[in-house]
Amino acid sequence: GFFSVYYNNMVSYTLSAFSYTGGAHGNSGVYCVNFNLKDGSIVQESDLFKEGYEETLSKLLTSHLPEALPDPSHYESLFVKELTSNGNFCISEDYLTYMYGEYEIGPYYLGTIEISIPWSELESILE
């Protein structure tokens, strides 16, 4: 794992995991744990946002999805194109980045899809 740049007294620790249990290929995942540097508590999504944030966040995730793909042609192969939050996010100085794992919203070959939303676009729903 590694720590990312901190933002607003928060820091993200990113864990990468790989397992092979047989079949054509192994599976990997990226998981983020976010900490409040003031008291050491784990930062949940609900700690960041005002009540009723879900619809706005979903729209932002969906709007940034195409640019998160390695190639625009991959958009058609996604299982899900209207996103909701999965709660797996990392904090950096400029972005809040959500990690969607293999098979979560698209086929295996797309790997982990990282959707980054600039903090400036989140201002209306931030706590």
C-alpha atoms as a PDB file:
ATOM      1  CA  GLY A   1       0.000   0.000   0.000  1.00  0.00           C
ATOM      2  CA  PHE A   2       0.964   3.644  -0.159  1.00  0.00           C
ATOM      3  CA  PHE A   3      -0.159   6.963   1.278  1.00  0.00           C
ATOM      4  CA  SER A   4      -1.385   9.596  -1.133  1.00  0.00           C
ATOM      5  CA  VAL A   5      -1.044  13.352  -0.799  1.00  0.00           C
ATOM      6  CA  TYR A   6      -3.166  14.600   2.035  1.00  0.00           C
ATOM      7  CA  TYR A   7      -6.005  17.087   1.675  1.00  0.00           C
ATOM      8  CA  ASN A   8      -7.840  19.082   4.326  1.00  0.00           C
ATOM      9  CA  ASN A   9      -6.450  17.103   7.296  1.00  0.00           C
ATOM     10  CA  MET A  10      -7.203  13.767   5.611  1.00  0.00           C
ATOM     11  CA  VAL A  11      -4.909  11.168   4.102  1.00  0.00           C
ATOM     12  CA  SER A  12      -5.610   8.053   2.025  1.00  0.00           C
ATOM     13  CA  TYR A  13      -3.884   4.712   2.380  1.00  0.00           C
ATOM     14  CA  THR A  14      -4.251   2.592  -0.741  1.00  0.00           C
ATOM     15  CA  LEU A  15      -4.090  -1.191  -0.601  1.00  0.00           C
ATOM     16  CA  SER A  16      -3.647  -3.418  -3.635  1.00  0.00           C
ATOM     17  CA  ALA A  17      -4.595  -7.081  -3.442  1.00  0.00           C
ATOM     18  CA  PHE A  18      -4.198  -9.982  -5.872  1.00  0.00           C
ATOM     19  CA  SER A  19      -5.545 -13.504  -5.647  1.00  0.00           C
ATOM     20  CA  TYR A  20      -5.506 -16.477  -7.957  1.00  0.00           C
ATOM     21  CA  THR A  21      -8.003 -19.206  -7.243  1.00  0.00           C
ATOM     22  CA  GLY A  22      -7.858 -20.984 -10.603  1.00  0.00           C
ATOM     23  CA  GLY A  23      -9.414 -20.199 -13.959  1.00  0.00           C
ATOM     24  CA  ALA A  24      -8.184 -18.024 -16.777  1.00  0.00           C
ATOM     25  CA  HIS A  25      -6.633 -15.313 -14.638  1.00  0.00           C
ATOM     26  CA  GLY A  26      -6.286 -13.974 -11.121  1.00  0.00           C
ATOM     27  CA  ASN A  27      -8.205 -11.069  -9.699  1.00  0.00           C
ATOM     28  CA  SER A  28      -6.883  -7.867  -8.245  1.00  0.00           C
ATOM     29  CA  GLY A  29      -8.415  -4.980  -6.385  1.00  0.00           C
ATOM     30  CA  VAL A  30      -7.531  -1.550  -5.103  1.00  0.00           C
ATOM     31  CA  TYR A  31      -9.007  -0.412  -1.798  1.00  0.00           C
ATOM     32  CA  CYS A  32      -8.692   2.959  -0.103  1.00  0.00           C
ATOM     33  CA  VAL A  33      -8.828   3.689   3.600  1.00  0.00           C
ATOM     34  CA  ASN A  34      -9.031   7.367   4.505  1.00  0.00           C
ATOM     35  CA  PHE A  35      -7.943   8.821   7.822  1.00  0.00           C
ATOM     36  CA  ASN A  36      -8.641  12.064   9.639  1.00  0.00           C
ATOM     37  CA  LEU A  37      -5.200  13.322  10.683  1.00  0.00           C
ATOM     38  CA  LYS A  38      -6.622  15.268  13.651  1.00  0.00           C
ATOM     39  CA  ASP A  39      -8.017  12.278  15.549  1.00  0.00           C
ATOM     40  CA  GLY A  40      -6.976   9.183  13.556  1.00  0.00           C
ATOM     41  CA  SER A  41     -10.559   8.201  12.755  1.00  0.00           C
ATOM     42  CA  ILE A  42     -11.507   6.564   9.464  1.00  0.00           C
ATOM     43  CA  VAL A  43     -13.217   8.987   7.079  1.00  0.00           C
ATOM     44  CA  GLN A  44     -16.401   7.583   5.555  1.00  0.00           C
ATOM     45  CA  GLU A  45     -18.179   9.072   2.567  1.00  0.00           C
ATOM     46  CA  SER A  46     -20.949  10.378   4.820  1.00  0.00           C
ATOM     47  CA  ASP A  47     -18.318  12.390   6.758  1.00  0.00           C
ATOM     48  CA  LEU A  48     -17.413  14.343   3.624  1.00  0.00           C
ATOM     49  CA  PHE A  49     -20.820  15.233   2.262  1.00  0.00           C
ATOM     50  CA  LYS A  50     -24.013  17.000   3.231  1.00  0.00           C
ATOM     51  CA  GLU A  51     -27.161  14.937   3.687  1.00  0.00           C
ATOM     52  CA  GLY A  52     -28.803  14.114   0.348  1.00  0.00           C
ATOM     53  CA  TYR A  53     -25.511  14.174  -1.610  1.00  0.00           C
ATOM     54  CA  GLU A  54     -26.029  10.830  -3.360  1.00  0.00           C
ATOM     55  CA  GLU A  55     -27.812  12.000  -6.523  1.00  0.00           C
ATOM     56  CA  THR A  56     -25.328  14.801  -7.238  1.00  0.00           C
ATOM     57  CA  LEU A  57     -22.375  12.493  -6.603  1.00  0.00           C
ATOM     58  CA  SER A  58     -23.855   9.849  -8.927  1.00  0.00           C
ATOM     59  CA  LYS A  59     -24.237  12.432 -11.702  1.00  0.00           C
ATOM     60  CA  LEU A  60     -20.624  13.574 -11.263  1.00  0.00           C
ATOM     61  CA  LEU A  61     -19.297  10.000 -11.294  1.00  0.00           C
ATOM     62  CA  THR A  62     -21.322   9.231 -14.418  1.00  0.00           C
ATOM     63  CA  SER A  63     -20.149  12.397 -16.201  1.00  0.00           C
ATOM     64  CA  HIS A  64     -16.464  11.625 -15.502  1.00  0.00           C
ATOM     65  CA  LEU A  65     -16.723   7.938 -16.434  1.00  0.00           C
ATOM     66  CA  PRO A  66     -15.846   8.259 -20.167  1.00  0.00           C
ATOM     67  CA  GLU A  67     -12.577  10.093 -19.462  1.00  0.00           C
ATOM     68  CA  ALA A  68     -11.568   7.412 -16.934  1.00  0.00           C
ATOM     69  CA  LEU A  69     -11.474   4.720 -19.621  1.00  0.00           C
ATOM     70  CA  PRO A  70      -8.228   3.858 -21.438  1.00  0.00           C
ATOM     71  CA  ASP A  71      -9.991   4.258 -24.797  1.00  0.00           C
ATOM     72  CA  PRO A  72     -13.369   5.839 -25.699  1.00  0.00           C
ATOM     73  CA  SER A  73     -14.402   2.648 -27.530  1.00  0.00           C
ATOM     74  CA  HIS A  74     -14.443   0.822 -24.176  1.00  0.00           C
ATOM     75  CA  TYR A  75     -17.521   2.778 -23.077  1.00  0.00           C
ATOM     76  CA  GLU A  76     -19.827   0.412 -24.956  1.00  0.00           C
ATOM     77  CA  SER A  77     -18.432  -2.631 -23.134  1.00  0.00           C
ATOM     78  CA  LEU A  78     -19.354  -1.309 -19.655  1.00  0.00           C
ATOM     79  CA  PHE A  79     -21.943  -3.243 -17.661  1.00  0.00           C
ATOM     80  CA  VAL A  80     -23.056  -0.066 -15.885  1.00  0.00           C
ATOM     81  CA  LYS A  81     -23.066   3.423 -17.367  1.00  0.00           C
ATOM     82  CA  GLU A  82     -25.140   5.248 -14.744  1.00  0.00           C
ATOM     83  CA  LEU A  83     -22.940   5.097 -11.665  1.00  0.00           C
ATOM     84  CA  THR A  84     -23.660   5.206  -7.990  1.00  0.00           C
ATOM     85  CA  SER A  85     -20.985   5.475  -5.346  1.00  0.00           C
ATOM     86  CA  ASN A  86     -19.361   2.266  -4.143  1.00  0.00           C
ATOM     87  CA  GLY A  87     -17.758   4.002  -1.143  1.00  0.00           C
ATOM     88  CA  ASN A  88     -14.222   3.106  -2.302  1.00  0.00           C
ATOM     89  CA  PHE A  89     -12.576   6.513  -2.648  1.00  0.00           C
ATOM     90  CA  CYS A  90      -9.133   8.045  -2.279  1.00  0.00           C
ATOM     91  CA  ILE A  91      -8.373  11.619  -1.352  1.00  0.00           C
ATOM     92  CA  SER A  92      -5.712  13.711  -3.064  1.00  0.00           C
ATOM     93  CA  GLU A  93      -4.876  17.389  -3.216  1.00  0.00           C
ATOM     94  CA  ASP A  94      -6.868  17.993  -6.406  1.00  0.00           C
ATOM     95  CA  TYR A  95      -9.376  15.150  -6.675  1.00  0.00           C
ATOM     96  CA  LEU A  96     -11.656  12.717  -4.956  1.00  0.00           C
ATOM     97  CA  THR A  97     -11.067   9.461  -6.850  1.00  0.00           C
ATOM     98  CA  TYR A  98     -13.430   6.477  -6.784  1.00  0.00           C
ATOM     99  CA  MET A  99     -12.057   3.024  -7.536  1.00  0.00           C
ATOM    100  CA  TYR A 100     -14.272   0.497  -9.337  1.00  0.00           C
ATOM    101  CA  GLY A 101     -12.760  -2.969  -9.441  1.00  0.00           C
ATOM    102  CA  GLU A 102     -12.606  -5.662 -12.091  1.00  0.00           C
ATOM    103  CA  TYR A 103     -16.110  -6.765 -13.127  1.00  0.00           C
ATOM    104  CA  GLU A 104     -17.736  -4.119 -10.903  1.00  0.00           C
ATOM    105  CA  ILE A 105     -18.834  -1.869 -13.779  1.00  0.00           C
ATOM    106  CA  GLY A 106     -17.006  -3.360 -16.754  1.00  0.00           C
ATOM    107  CA  PRO A 107     -15.209  -6.430 -18.103  1.00  0.00           C
ATOM    108  CA  TYR A 108     -11.973  -7.800 -16.672  1.00  0.00           C
ATOM    109  CA  TYR A 109      -9.746  -6.327 -19.380  1.00  0.00           C
ATOM    110  CA  LEU A 110     -10.575  -2.782 -18.209  1.00  0.00           C
ATOM    111  CA  GLY A 111      -9.046  -3.543 -14.797  1.00  0.00           C
ATOM    112  CA  THR A 112      -9.620  -1.054 -12.009  1.00  0.00           C
ATOM    113  CA  ILE A 113     -11.419   2.040 -13.269  1.00  0.00           C
ATOM    114  CA  GLU A 114     -10.409   5.216 -11.419  1.00  0.00           C
ATOM    115  CA  ILE A 115     -12.871   8.090 -11.694  1.00  0.00           C
ATOM    116  CA  SER A 116     -11.494  11.405 -10.463  1.00  0.00           C
ATOM    117  CA  ILE A 117     -13.725  14.362  -9.616  1.00  0.00           C
ATOM    118  CA  PRO A 118     -12.094  17.758  -8.947  1.00  0.00           C
ATOM    119  CA  TRP A 119     -12.876  19.145  -5.475  1.00  0.00           C
ATOM    120  CA  SER A 120     -14.231  22.291  -7.160  1.00  0.00           C
ATOM    121  CA  GLU A 121     -17.063  20.247  -8.718  1.00  0.00           C
ATOM    122  CA  LEU A 122     -17.957  18.773  -5.311  1.00  0.00           C
ATOM    123  CA  GLU A 123     -18.223  22.090  -3.453  1.00  0.00           C
ATOM    124  CA  SER A 124     -22.046  22.174  -3.426  1.00  0.00           C
ATOM    125  CA  ILE A 125     -22.289  18.839  -1.566  1.00  0.00           C
ATOM    126  CA  LEU A 126     -19.222  19.014   0.695  1.00  0.00           C
ATOM    127  CA  GLU A 127     -19.843  19.216   4.440  1.00  0.00           C
END
